[in-house]
């Protein structure tokens, strides 16, 4: 089985805990979002970064604006995960929406 990279490994942004750029940019929310652990085979939110506000894209912190959608959809990492996981939906989620998504995912899995 191929190793699945997390966004910080693919992008080499240095925003993972202990990373080289946390002093300048802080730790990335995707790297510490433990409620998303395992989604798309990633560590924490590492393979769901487009759905987590505050991640870094082109050295700019991404927010929750709809215009960010196009930036993420054109991202090489998003395309890689999309290809590997056959993702057919895309949305930047607020923390509340992310929790609701994770709760609904757990219910489906536990049936």
PDB file of N, CA and C in Angstrom:
ATOM      1  N   UNK A   1       0.839  -1.180   0.000  1.00  0.00           N
ATOM      2  CA  UNK A   1       0.000   0.000   0.000  1.00  0.00           C
ATOM      3  C   UNK A   1       0.887   1.247   0.000  1.00  0.00           C
ATOM      4  N   UNK A   2       0.540   2.206  -0.807  1.00  0.00           N
ATOM      5  CA  UNK A   2       1.319   3.443  -0.917  1.00  0.00           C
ATOM      6  C   UNK A   2       1.150   4.296   0.342  1.00  0.00           C
ATOM      7  N   UNK A   3       2.196   5.010   0.700  1.00  0.00           N
ATOM      8  CA  UNK A   3       2.140   5.928   1.832  1.00  0.00           C
ATOM      9  C   UNK A   3       1.333   7.141   1.418  1.00  0.00           C
ATOM     10  N   UNK A   4       0.377   7.524   2.249  1.00  0.00           N
ATOM     11  CA  UNK A   4      -0.443   8.694   1.972  1.00  0.00           C
ATOM     12  C   UNK A   4       0.142   9.884   2.719  1.00  0.00           C
ATOM     13  N   UNK A   5       0.504  10.901   1.962  1.00  0.00           N
ATOM     14  CA  UNK A   5       1.093  12.103   2.553  1.00  0.00           C
ATOM     15  C   UNK A   5       0.026  12.997   3.166  1.00  0.00           C
ATOM     16  N   UNK A   6       0.388  13.663   4.247  1.00  0.00           N
ATOM     17  CA  UNK A   6      -0.429  14.733   4.811  1.00  0.00           C
ATOM     18  C   UNK A   6      -0.038  16.028   4.113  1.00  0.00           C
ATOM     19  N   UNK A   7      -0.890  17.029   4.209  1.00  0.00           N
ATOM     20  CA  UNK A   7      -0.650  18.277   3.474  1.00  0.00           C
ATOM     21  C   UNK A   7       0.697  18.910   3.827  1.00  0.00           C
ATOM     22  N   UNK A   8       1.070  18.908   5.111  1.00  0.00           N
ATOM     23  CA  UNK A   8       2.332  19.552   5.497  1.00  0.00           C
ATOM     24  C   UNK A   8       3.537  18.786   4.964  1.00  0.00           C
ATOM     25  N   UNK A   9       3.385  17.492   4.742  1.00  0.00           N
ATOM     26  CA  UNK A   9       4.473  16.708   4.157  1.00  0.00           C
ATOM     27  C   UNK A   9       4.573  16.976   2.653  1.00  0.00           C
ATOM     28  N   UNK A  10       3.443  17.083   2.009  1.00  0.00           N
ATOM     29  CA  UNK A  10       3.406  17.348   0.568  1.00  0.00           C
ATOM     30  C   UNK A  10       3.890  18.766   0.263  1.00  0.00           C
ATOM     31  N   UNK A  11       3.374  19.737   1.002  1.00  0.00           N
ATOM     32  CA  UNK A  11       3.697  21.143   0.751  1.00  0.00           C
ATOM     33  C   UNK A  11       5.013  21.585   1.381  1.00  0.00           C
ATOM     34  N   UNK A  12       5.479  20.823   2.369  1.00  0.00           N
ATOM     35  CA  UNK A  12       6.708  21.175   3.102  1.00  0.00           C
ATOM     36  C   UNK A  12       6.627  22.598   3.681  1.00  0.00           C
ATOM     37  N   UNK A  13       5.464  22.900   4.280  1.00  0.00           N
ATOM     38  CA  UNK A  13       5.221  24.244   4.805  1.00  0.00           C
ATOM     39  C   UNK A  13       5.861  24.479   6.173  1.00  0.00           C
ATOM     40  N   UNK A  14       6.177  23.417   6.895  1.00  0.00           N
ATOM     41  CA  UNK A  14       6.794  23.568   8.206  1.00  0.00           C
ATOM     42  C   UNK A  14       5.835  24.024   9.294  1.00  0.00           C
ATOM     43  N   UNK A  15       4.536  23.826   9.099  1.00  0.00           N
ATOM     44  CA  UNK A  15       3.554  24.258  10.099  1.00  0.00           C
ATOM     45  C   UNK A  15       3.028  23.114  10.963  1.00  0.00           C
ATOM     46  N   UNK A  16       3.590  21.919  10.828  1.00  0.00           N
ATOM     47  CA  UNK A  16       3.219  20.828  11.706  1.00  0.00           C
ATOM     48  C   UNK A  16       3.840  21.063  13.084  1.00  0.00           C
ATOM     49  N   UNK A  17       3.324  20.431  14.146  1.00  0.00           N
ATOM     50  CA  UNK A  17       3.941  20.613  15.469  1.00  0.00           C
ATOM     51  C   UNK A  17       5.440  20.323  15.401  1.00  0.00           C
ATOM     52  N   UNK A  18       6.231  21.273  15.874  1.00  0.00           N
ATOM     53  CA  UNK A  18       7.684  21.159  15.819  1.00  0.00           C
ATOM     54  C   UNK A  18       8.280  21.574  14.492  1.00  0.00           C
ATOM     55  N   UNK A  19       7.453  22.039  13.561  1.00  0.00           N
ATOM     56  CA  UNK A  19       7.914  22.420  12.229  1.00  0.00           C
ATOM     57  C   UNK A  19       8.739  23.695  12.212  1.00  0.00           C
ATOM     58  N   UNK A  20       9.466  23.897  11.133  1.00  0.00           N
ATOM     59  CA  UNK A  20      10.395  25.015  10.995  1.00  0.00           C
ATOM     60  C   UNK A  20       9.716  26.380  10.930  1.00  0.00           C
ATOM     61  N   UNK A  21       8.447  26.444  10.542  1.00  0.00           N
ATOM     62  CA  UNK A  21       7.797  27.743  10.343  1.00  0.00           C
ATOM     63  C   UNK A  21       6.716  28.088  11.368  1.00  0.00           C
ATOM     64  N   UNK A  22       6.647  27.352  12.476  1.00  0.00           N
ATOM     65  CA  UNK A  22       5.580  27.646  13.435  1.00  0.00           C
ATOM     66  C   UNK A  22       5.781  28.973  14.169  1.00  0.00           C
ATOM     67  N   UNK A  23       6.993  29.443  14.245  1.00  0.00           N
ATOM     68  CA  UNK A  23       7.227  30.747  14.866  1.00  0.00           C
ATOM     69  C   UNK A  23       6.622  31.859  14.025  1.00  0.00           C
ATOM     70  N   UNK A  24       6.779  31.750  12.717  1.00  0.00           N
ATOM     71  CA  UNK A  24       6.259  32.773  11.811  1.00  0.00           C
ATOM     72  C   UNK A  24       4.763  32.627  11.542  1.00  0.00           C
ATOM     73  N   UNK A  25       4.299  31.379  11.344  1.00  0.00           N
ATOM     74  CA  UNK A  25       2.914  31.158  10.918  1.00  0.00           C
ATOM     75  C   UNK A  25       2.032  30.462  11.946  1.00  0.00           C
ATOM     76  N   UNK A  26       2.584  29.958  13.047  1.00  0.00           N
ATOM     77  CA  UNK A  26       1.865  29.188  14.056  1.00  0.00           C
ATOM     78  C   UNK A  26       1.617  27.775  13.538  1.00  0.00           C
ATOM     79  N   UNK A  27       1.185  26.892  14.406  1.00  0.00           N
ATOM     80  CA  UNK A  27       0.896  25.517  14.013  1.00  0.00           C
ATOM     81  C   UNK A  27      -0.387  25.516  13.182  1.00  0.00           C
ATOM     82  N   UNK A  28      -0.370  24.770  12.106  1.00  0.00           N
ATOM     83  CA  UNK A  28      -1.519  24.696  11.212  1.00  0.00           C
ATOM     84  C   UNK A  28      -2.688  23.977  11.884  1.00  0.00           C
ATOM     85  N   UNK A  29      -3.903  24.526  11.767  1.00  0.00           N
ATOM     86  CA  UNK A  29      -5.071  23.869  12.342  1.00  0.00           C
ATOM     87  C   UNK A  29      -5.285  22.448  11.807  1.00  0.00           C
ATOM     88  N   UNK A  30      -4.936  22.200  10.557  1.00  0.00           N
ATOM     89  CA  UNK A  30      -5.100  20.853   9.992  1.00  0.00           C
ATOM     90  C   UNK A  30      -4.189  19.844  10.689  1.00  0.00           C
ATOM     91  N   UNK A  31      -3.018  20.287  11.104  1.00  0.00           N
ATOM     92  CA  UNK A  31      -2.054  19.394  11.740  1.00  0.00           C
ATOM     93  C   UNK A  31      -2.467  18.987  13.150  1.00  0.00           C
ATOM     94  N   UNK A  32      -3.368  19.743  13.761  1.00  0.00           N
ATOM     95  CA  UNK A  32      -3.767  19.449  15.146  1.00  0.00           C
ATOM     96  C   UNK A  32      -5.254  19.140  15.295  1.00  0.00           C
ATOM     97  N   UNK A  33      -5.992  19.094  14.186  1.00  0.00           N
ATOM     98  CA  UNK A  33      -7.439  18.826  14.243  1.00  0.00           C
ATOM     99  C   UNK A  33      -7.662  17.333  14.434  1.00  0.00           C
ATOM    100  N   UNK A  34      -7.570  16.878  15.678  1.00  0.00           N
ATOM    101  CA  UNK A  34      -7.627  15.446  15.971  1.00  0.00           C
ATOM    102  C   UNK A  34      -8.983  14.817  15.664  1.00  0.00           C
ATOM    103  N   UNK A  35     -10.035  15.612  15.643  1.00  0.00           N
ATOM    104  CA  UNK A  35     -11.355  15.047  15.342  1.00  0.00           C
ATOM    105  C   UNK A  35     -11.454  14.576  13.887  1.00  0.00           C
ATOM    106  N   UNK A  36     -10.520  15.017  13.044  1.00  0.00           N
ATOM    107  CA  UNK A  36     -10.508  14.592  11.642  1.00  0.00           C
ATOM    108  C   UNK A  36      -9.485  13.476  11.400  1.00  0.00           C
ATOM    109  N   UNK A  37      -8.901  12.962  12.467  1.00  0.00           N
ATOM    110  CA  UNK A  37      -7.871  11.934  12.338  1.00  0.00           C
ATOM    111  C   UNK A  37      -8.402  10.719  11.580  1.00  0.00           C
ATOM    112  N   UNK A  38      -7.654  10.301  10.577  1.00  0.00           N
ATOM    113  CA  UNK A  38      -8.016   9.126   9.801  1.00  0.00           C
ATOM    114  C   UNK A  38      -8.829   9.406   8.549  1.00  0.00           C
ATOM    115  N   UNK A  39      -9.402  10.587   8.433  1.00  0.00           N
ATOM    116  CA  UNK A  39     -10.178  10.896   7.233  1.00  0.00           C
ATOM    117  C   UNK A  39      -9.229  10.937   6.037  1.00  0.00           C
ATOM    118  N   UNK A  40      -9.602  10.248   4.995  1.00  0.00           N
ATOM    119  CA  UNK A  40      -8.791  10.116   3.775  1.00  0.00           C
ATOM    120  C   UNK A  40      -7.426   9.498   4.067  1.00  0.00           C
ATOM    121  N   UNK A  41      -7.305   8.796   5.195  1.00  0.00           N
ATOM    122  CA  UNK A  41      -6.062   8.129   5.549  1.00  0.00           C
ATOM    123  C   UNK A  41      -5.001   9.047   6.109  1.00  0.00           C
ATOM    124  N   UNK A  42      -5.398  10.220   6.576  1.00  0.00           N
ATOM    125  CA  UNK A  42      -4.423  11.185   7.067  1.00  0.00           C
ATOM    126  C   UNK A  42      -4.334  11.276   8.578  1.00  0.00           C
ATOM    127  N   UNK A  43      -3.288  11.941   9.039  1.00  0.00           N
ATOM    128  CA  UNK A  43      -3.111  12.224  10.460  1.00  0.00           C
ATOM    129  C   UNK A  43      -3.820  13.531  10.773  1.00  0.00           C
ATOM    130  N   UNK A  44      -4.680  13.516  11.780  1.00  0.00           N
ATOM    131  CA  UNK A  44      -5.485  14.675  12.133  1.00  0.00           C
ATOM    132  C   UNK A  44      -6.183  15.193  10.874  1.00  0.00           C
ATOM    133  N   UNK A  45      -6.079  16.477  10.557  1.00  0.00           N
ATOM    134  CA  UNK A  45      -6.733  17.009   9.360  1.00  0.00           C
ATOM    135  C   UNK A  45      -5.803  17.084   8.163  1.00  0.00           C
ATOM    136  N   UNK A  46      -4.758  16.290   8.174  1.00  0.00           N
ATOM    137  CA  UNK A  46      -3.714  16.365   7.156  1.00  0.00           C
ATOM    138  C   UNK A  46      -4.122  15.994   5.749  1.00  0.00           C
ATOM    139  N   UNK A  47      -5.268  15.337   5.594  1.00  0.00           N
ATOM    140  CA  UNK A  47      -5.758  15.023   4.250  1.00  0.00           C
ATOM    141  C   UNK A  47      -7.178  15.536   4.083  1.00  0.00           C
ATOM    142  N   UNK A  48      -7.460  16.612   4.835  1.00  0.00           N
ATOM    143  CA  UNK A  48      -8.750  17.293   4.765  1.00  0.00           C
ATOM    144  C   UNK A  48      -8.522  18.795   4.958  1.00  0.00           C
ATOM    145  N   UNK A  49      -7.344  19.274   4.632  1.00  0.00           N
ATOM    146  CA  UNK A  49      -6.947  20.655   4.921  1.00  0.00           C
ATOM    147  C   UNK A  49      -7.852  21.689   4.268  1.00  0.00           C
ATOM    148  N   UNK A  50      -8.402  21.383   3.101  1.00  0.00           N
ATOM    149  CA  UNK A  50      -9.271  22.333   2.395  1.00  0.00           C
ATOM    150  C   UNK A  50     -10.559  22.603   3.150  1.00  0.00           C
ATOM    151  N   UNK A  51     -10.913  21.742   4.083  1.00  0.00           N
ATOM    152  CA  UNK A  51     -12.153  21.900   4.839  1.00  0.00           C
ATOM    153  C   UNK A  51     -11.926  22.564   6.187  1.00  0.00           C
ATOM    154  N   UNK A  52     -10.687  22.948   6.481  1.00  0.00           N
ATOM    155  CA  UNK A  52     -10.350  23.505   7.785  1.00  0.00           C
ATOM    156  C   UNK A  52      -9.837  24.933   7.619  1.00  0.00           C
ATOM    157  N   UNK A  53     -10.543  25.872   8.212  1.00  0.00           N
ATOM    158  CA  UNK A  53     -10.151  27.279   8.137  1.00  0.00           C
ATOM    159  C   UNK A  53      -8.828  27.499   8.858  1.00  0.00           C
ATOM    160  N   UNK A  54      -8.012  28.386   8.306  1.00  0.00           N
ATOM    161  CA  UNK A  54      -6.753  28.763   8.942  1.00  0.00           C
ATOM    162  C   UNK A  54      -5.548  28.009   8.429  1.00  0.00           C
ATOM    163  N   UNK A  55      -5.738  27.158   7.414  1.00  0.00           N
ATOM    164  CA  UNK A  55      -4.591  26.478   6.825  1.00  0.00           C
ATOM    165  C   UNK A  55      -3.859  27.439   5.895  1.00  0.00           C
ATOM    166  N   UNK A  56      -2.654  27.090   5.544  1.00  0.00           N
ATOM    167  CA  UNK A  56      -1.809  27.978   4.751  1.00  0.00           C
ATOM    168  C   UNK A  56      -1.823  27.566   3.290  1.00  0.00           C
ATOM    169  N   UNK A  57      -2.018  28.539   2.426  1.00  0.00           N
ATOM    170  CA  UNK A  57      -2.001  28.283   0.990  1.00  0.00           C
ATOM    171  C   UNK A  57      -1.216  29.420   0.337  1.00  0.00           C
ATOM    172  N   UNK A  58      -0.163  29.066  -0.352  1.00  0.00           N
ATOM    173  CA  UNK A  58       0.698  30.086  -0.973  1.00  0.00           C
ATOM    174  C   UNK A  58       1.160  31.135   0.024  1.00  0.00           C
ATOM    175  N   UNK A  59       1.529  30.663   1.219  1.00  0.00           N
ATOM    176  CA  UNK A  59       2.035  31.507   2.311  1.00  0.00           C
ATOM    177  C   UNK A  59       1.016  32.525   2.808  1.00  0.00           C
ATOM    178  N   UNK A  60      -0.269  32.243   2.598  1.00  0.00           N
ATOM    179  CA  UNK A  60      -1.350  33.076   3.110  1.00  0.00           C
ATOM    180  C   UNK A  60      -2.314  32.179   3.865  1.00  0.00           C
ATOM    181  N   UNK A  61      -2.764  32.649   5.033  1.00  0.00           N
ATOM    182  CA  UNK A  61      -3.719  31.868   5.801  1.00  0.00           C
ATOM    183  C   UNK A  61      -5.063  31.893   5.103  1.00  0.00           C
ATOM    184  N   UNK A  62      -5.639  30.700   4.905  1.00  0.00           N
ATOM    185  CA  UNK A  62      -6.911  30.543   4.208  1.00  0.00           C
ATOM    186  C   UNK A  62      -8.049  30.715   5.211  1.00  0.00           C
ATOM    187  N   UNK A  63      -9.060  31.432   4.803  1.00  0.00           N
ATOM    188  CA  UNK A  63     -10.231  31.634   5.648  1.00  0.00           C
ATOM    189  C   UNK A  63     -11.373  30.752   5.218  1.00  0.00           C
ATOM    190  N   UNK A  64     -12.600  31.231   5.417  1.00  0.00           N
ATOM    191  CA  UNK A  64     -13.771  30.436   5.067  1.00  0.00           C
ATOM    192  C   UNK A  64     -14.550  31.050   3.911  1.00  0.00           C
ATOM    193  N   UNK A  65     -13.963  31.994   3.215  1.00  0.00           N
ATOM    194  CA  UNK A  65     -14.668  32.645   2.115  1.00  0.00           C
ATOM    195  C   UNK A  65     -14.835  31.720   0.923  1.00  0.00           C
ATOM    196  N   UNK A  66     -15.920  31.881   0.209  1.00  0.00           N
ATOM    197  CA  UNK A  66     -16.198  31.033  -0.946  1.00  0.00           C
ATOM    198  C   UNK A  66     -15.100  31.131  -1.999  1.00  0.00           C
ATOM    199  N   UNK A  67     -14.457  32.281  -2.125  1.00  0.00           N
ATOM    200  CA  UNK A  67     -13.423  32.429  -3.149  1.00  0.00           C
ATOM    201  C   UNK A  67     -12.241  31.491  -2.905  1.00  0.00           C
ATOM    202  N   UNK A  68     -12.054  31.067  -1.654  1.00  0.00           N
ATOM    203  CA  UNK A  68     -10.963  30.153  -1.348  1.00  0.00           C
ATOM    204  C   UNK A  68     -11.193  28.790  -1.996  1.00  0.00           C
ATOM    205  N   UNK A  69     -12.440  28.479  -2.272  1.00  0.00           N
ATOM    206  CA  UNK A  69     -12.776  27.186  -2.871  1.00  0.00           C
ATOM    207  C   UNK A  69     -11.975  26.958  -4.146  1.00  0.00           C
ATOM    208  N   UNK A  70     -11.870  27.966  -4.968  1.00  0.00           N
ATOM    209  CA  UNK A  70     -11.170  27.813  -6.235  1.00  0.00           C
ATOM    210  C   UNK A  70      -9.671  27.631  -6.019  1.00  0.00           C
ATOM    211  N   UNK A  71      -9.126  28.290  -5.009  1.00  0.00           N
ATOM    212  CA  UNK A  71      -7.721  28.126  -4.684  1.00  0.00           C
ATOM    213  C   UNK A  71      -7.431  26.688  -4.285  1.00  0.00           C
ATOM    214  N   UNK A  72      -8.265  26.127  -3.431  1.00  0.00           N
ATOM    215  CA  UNK A  72      -8.060  24.750  -2.984  1.00  0.00           C
ATOM    216  C   UNK A  72      -8.282  23.754  -4.107  1.00  0.00           C
ATOM    217  N   UNK A  73      -9.296  23.967  -4.907  1.00  0.00           N
ATOM    218  CA  UNK A  73      -9.585  23.024  -5.984  1.00  0.00           C
ATOM    219  C   UNK A  73      -8.480  23.000  -7.033  1.00  0.00           C
ATOM    220  N   UNK A  74      -7.686  24.044  -7.100  1.00  0.00           N
ATOM    221  CA  UNK A  74      -6.567  24.100  -8.029  1.00  0.00           C
ATOM    222  C   UNK A  74      -5.249  23.687  -7.385  1.00  0.00           C
ATOM    223  N   UNK A  75      -5.302  23.343  -6.119  1.00  0.00           N
ATOM    224  CA  UNK A  75      -4.107  22.953  -5.359  1.00  0.00           C
ATOM    225  C   UNK A  75      -3.679  21.541  -5.757  1.00  0.00           C
ATOM    226  N   UNK A  76      -2.385  21.342  -5.968  1.00  0.00           N
ATOM    227  CA  UNK A  76      -1.876  20.027  -6.358  1.00  0.00           C
ATOM    228  C   UNK A  76      -2.138  18.976  -5.278  1.00  0.00           C
ATOM    229  N   UNK A  77      -2.111  19.378  -4.002  1.00  0.00           N
ATOM    230  CA  UNK A  77      -2.378  18.408  -2.935  1.00  0.00           C
ATOM    231  C   UNK A  77      -3.841  17.985  -2.940  1.00  0.00           C
ATOM    232  N   UNK A  78      -4.750  18.942  -3.110  1.00  0.00           N
ATOM    233  CA  UNK A  78      -6.172  18.601  -3.199  1.00  0.00           C
ATOM    234  C   UNK A  78      -6.401  17.635  -4.363  1.00  0.00           C
ATOM    235  N   UNK A  79      -5.768  17.909  -5.487  1.00  0.00           N
ATOM    236  CA  UNK A  79      -5.922  17.042  -6.662  1.00  0.00           C
ATOM    237  C   UNK A  79      -5.390  15.635  -6.379  1.00  0.00           C
ATOM    238  N   UNK A  80      -4.273  15.547  -5.645  1.00  0.00           N
ATOM    239  CA  UNK A  80      -3.708  14.251  -5.288  1.00  0.00           C
ATOM    240  C   UNK A  80      -4.682  13.459  -4.410  1.00  0.00           C
ATOM    241  N   UNK A  81      -5.193  14.095  -3.354  1.00  0.00           N
ATOM    242  CA  UNK A  81      -6.120  13.404  -2.455  1.00  0.00           C
ATOM    243  C   UNK A  81      -7.402  13.045  -3.203  1.00  0.00           C
ATOM    244  N   UNK A  82      -7.870  13.954  -4.037  1.00  0.00           N
ATOM    245  CA  UNK A  82      -9.061  13.688  -4.839  1.00  0.00           C
ATOM    246  C   UNK A  82      -8.857  12.439  -5.699  1.00  0.00           C
ATOM    247  N   UNK A  83      -7.705  12.335  -6.320  1.00  0.00           N
ATOM    248  CA  UNK A  83      -7.401  11.188  -7.165  1.00  0.00           C
ATOM    249  C   UNK A  83      -7.307   9.902  -6.341  1.00  0.00           C
ATOM    250  N   UNK A  84      -6.650   9.983  -5.179  1.00  0.00           N
ATOM    251  CA  UNK A  84      -6.456   8.799  -4.346  1.00  0.00           C
ATOM    252  C   UNK A  84      -7.739   8.352  -3.643  1.00  0.00           C
ATOM    253  N   UNK A  85      -8.589   9.295  -3.274  1.00  0.00           N
ATOM    254  CA  UNK A  85      -9.754   8.977  -2.448  1.00  0.00           C
ATOM    255  C   UNK A  85     -11.078   9.095  -3.198  1.00  0.00           C
ATOM    256  N   UNK A  86     -11.052   9.538  -4.441  1.00  0.00           N
ATOM    257  CA  UNK A  86     -12.271   9.702  -5.244  1.00  0.00           C
ATOM    258  C   UNK A  86     -13.275  10.642  -4.576  1.00  0.00           C
ATOM    259  N   UNK A  87     -12.797  11.794  -4.167  1.00  0.00           N
ATOM    260  CA  UNK A  87     -13.649  12.789  -3.516  1.00  0.00           C
ATOM    261  C   UNK A  87     -14.565  13.410  -4.561  1.00  0.00           C
ATOM    262  N   UNK A  88     -15.839  13.503  -4.242  1.00  0.00           N
ATOM    263  CA  UNK A  88     -16.776  14.101  -5.192  1.00  0.00           C
ATOM    264  C   UNK A  88     -17.487  15.321  -4.617  1.00  0.00           C
ATOM    265  N   UNK A  89     -17.092  15.740  -3.431  1.00  0.00           N
ATOM    266  CA  UNK A  89     -17.665  16.956  -2.859  1.00  0.00           C
ATOM    267  C   UNK A  89     -16.545  17.815  -2.312  1.00  0.00           C
ATOM    268  N   UNK A  90     -16.814  19.097  -2.215  1.00  0.00           N
ATOM    269  CA  UNK A  90     -15.822  20.042  -1.715  1.00  0.00           C
ATOM    270  C   UNK A  90     -16.534  21.144  -0.976  1.00  0.00           C
ATOM    271  N   UNK A  91     -16.048  21.446   0.208  1.00  0.00           N
ATOM    272  CA  UNK A  91     -16.604  22.561   0.964  1.00  0.00           C
ATOM    273  C   UNK A  91     -15.618  22.940   2.063  1.00  0.00           C
ATOM    274  N   UNK A  92     -15.438  24.231   2.280  1.00  0.00           N
ATOM    275  CA  UNK A  92     -14.670  24.686   3.432  1.00  0.00           C
ATOM    276  C   UNK A  92     -15.647  24.732   4.595  1.00  0.00           C
ATOM    277  N   UNK A  93     -15.311  24.052   5.661  1.00  0.00           N
ATOM    278  CA  UNK A  93     -16.220  23.922   6.789  1.00  0.00           C
ATOM    279  C   UNK A  93     -15.800  24.793   7.959  1.00  0.00           C
ATOM    280  N   UNK A  94     -16.789  25.355   8.638  1.00  0.00           N
ATOM    281  CA  UNK A  94     -16.526  26.029   9.906  1.00  0.00           C
ATOM    282  C   UNK A  94     -16.282  24.930  10.941  1.00  0.00           C
ATOM    283  N   UNK A  95     -15.710  25.260  12.107  1.00  0.00           N
ATOM    284  CA  UNK A  95     -15.518  24.219  13.125  1.00  0.00           C
ATOM    285  C   UNK A  95     -16.817  23.492  13.491  1.00  0.00           C
ATOM    286  N   UNK A  96     -17.932  24.191  13.552  1.00  0.00           N
ATOM    287  CA  UNK A  96     -19.214  23.563  13.875  1.00  0.00           C
ATOM    288  C   UNK A  96     -19.616  22.600  12.761  1.00  0.00           C
ATOM    289  N   UNK A  97     -19.475  23.035  11.505  1.00  0.00           N
ATOM    290  CA  UNK A  97     -19.813  22.171  10.372  1.00  0.00           C
ATOM    291  C   UNK A  97     -18.902  20.940  10.325  1.00  0.00           C
ATOM    292  N   UNK A  98     -17.619  21.130  10.641  1.00  0.00           N
ATOM    293  CA  UNK A  98     -16.692  20.008  10.657  1.00  0.00           C
ATOM    294  C   UNK A  98     -17.120  18.992  11.709  1.00  0.00           C
ATOM    295  N   UNK A  99     -17.492  19.464  12.903  1.00  0.00           N
ATOM    296  CA  UNK A  99     -17.947  18.553  13.948  1.00  0.00           C
ATOM    297  C   UNK A  99     -19.206  17.814  13.528  1.00  0.00           C
ATOM    298  N   UNK A 100     -20.132  18.511  12.877  1.00  0.00           N
ATOM    299  CA  UNK A 100     -21.357  17.864  12.389  1.00  0.00           C
ATOM    300  C   UNK A 100     -21.035  16.820  11.329  1.00  0.00           C
ATOM    301  N   UNK A 101     -20.122  17.163  10.427  1.00  0.00           N
ATOM    302  CA  UNK A 101     -19.702  16.208   9.394  1.00  0.00           C
ATOM    303  C   UNK A 101     -19.089  14.965  10.028  1.00  0.00           C
ATOM    304  N   UNK A 102     -18.207  15.165  10.994  1.00  0.00           N
ATOM    305  CA  UNK A 102     -17.550  14.032  11.639  1.00  0.00           C
ATOM    306  C   UNK A 102     -18.547  13.181  12.413  1.00  0.00           C
ATOM    307  N   UNK A 103     -19.512  13.824  13.056  1.00  0.00           N
ATOM    308  CA  UNK A 103     -20.544  13.085  13.785  1.00  0.00           C
ATOM    309  C   UNK A 103     -21.388  12.249  12.828  1.00  0.00           C
ATOM    310  N   UNK A 104     -21.751  12.823  11.688  1.00  0.00           N
ATOM    311  CA  UNK A 104     -22.560  12.070  10.725  1.00  0.00           C
ATOM    312  C   UNK A 104     -21.758  10.929  10.122  1.00  0.00           C
ATOM    313  N   UNK A 105     -20.482  11.125   9.926  1.00  0.00           N
ATOM    314  CA  UNK A 105     -19.602  10.090   9.378  1.00  0.00           C
ATOM    315  C   UNK A 105     -19.485   8.934  10.350  1.00  0.00           C
ATOM    316  N   UNK A 106     -19.396   9.224  11.639  1.00  0.00           N
ATOM    317  CA  UNK A 106     -19.303   8.201  12.660  1.00  0.00           C
ATOM    318  C   UNK A 106     -20.574   7.366  12.700  1.00  0.00           C
ATOM    319  N   UNK A 107     -21.732   8.013  12.561  1.00  0.00           N
ATOM    320  CA  UNK A 107     -23.005   7.298  12.584  1.00  0.00           C
ATOM    321  C   UNK A 107     -23.101   6.329  11.420  1.00  0.00           C
ATOM    322  N   UNK A 108     -22.650   6.747  10.252  1.00  0.00           N
ATOM    323  CA  UNK A 108     -22.716   5.891   9.067  1.00  0.00           C
ATOM    324  C   UNK A 108     -21.782   4.700   9.231  1.00  0.00           C
ATOM    325  N   UNK A 109     -20.583   4.939   9.741  1.00  0.00           N
ATOM    326  CA  UNK A 109     -19.583   3.897   9.897  1.00  0.00           C
ATOM    327  C   UNK A 109     -20.011   2.872  10.945  1.00  0.00           C
ATOM    328  N   UNK A 110     -20.699   3.325  11.999  1.00  0.00           N
ATOM    329  CA  UNK A 110     -21.024   2.441  13.108  1.00  0.00           C
ATOM    330  C   UNK A 110     -22.256   1.592  12.897  1.00  0.00           C
ATOM    331  N   UNK A 111     -22.934   1.718  11.786  1.00  0.00           N
ATOM    332  CA  UNK A 111     -24.139   0.910  11.531  1.00  0.00           C
ATOM    333  C   UNK A 111     -23.818  -0.540  11.351  1.00  0.00           C
TER     334      UNK A 111
END
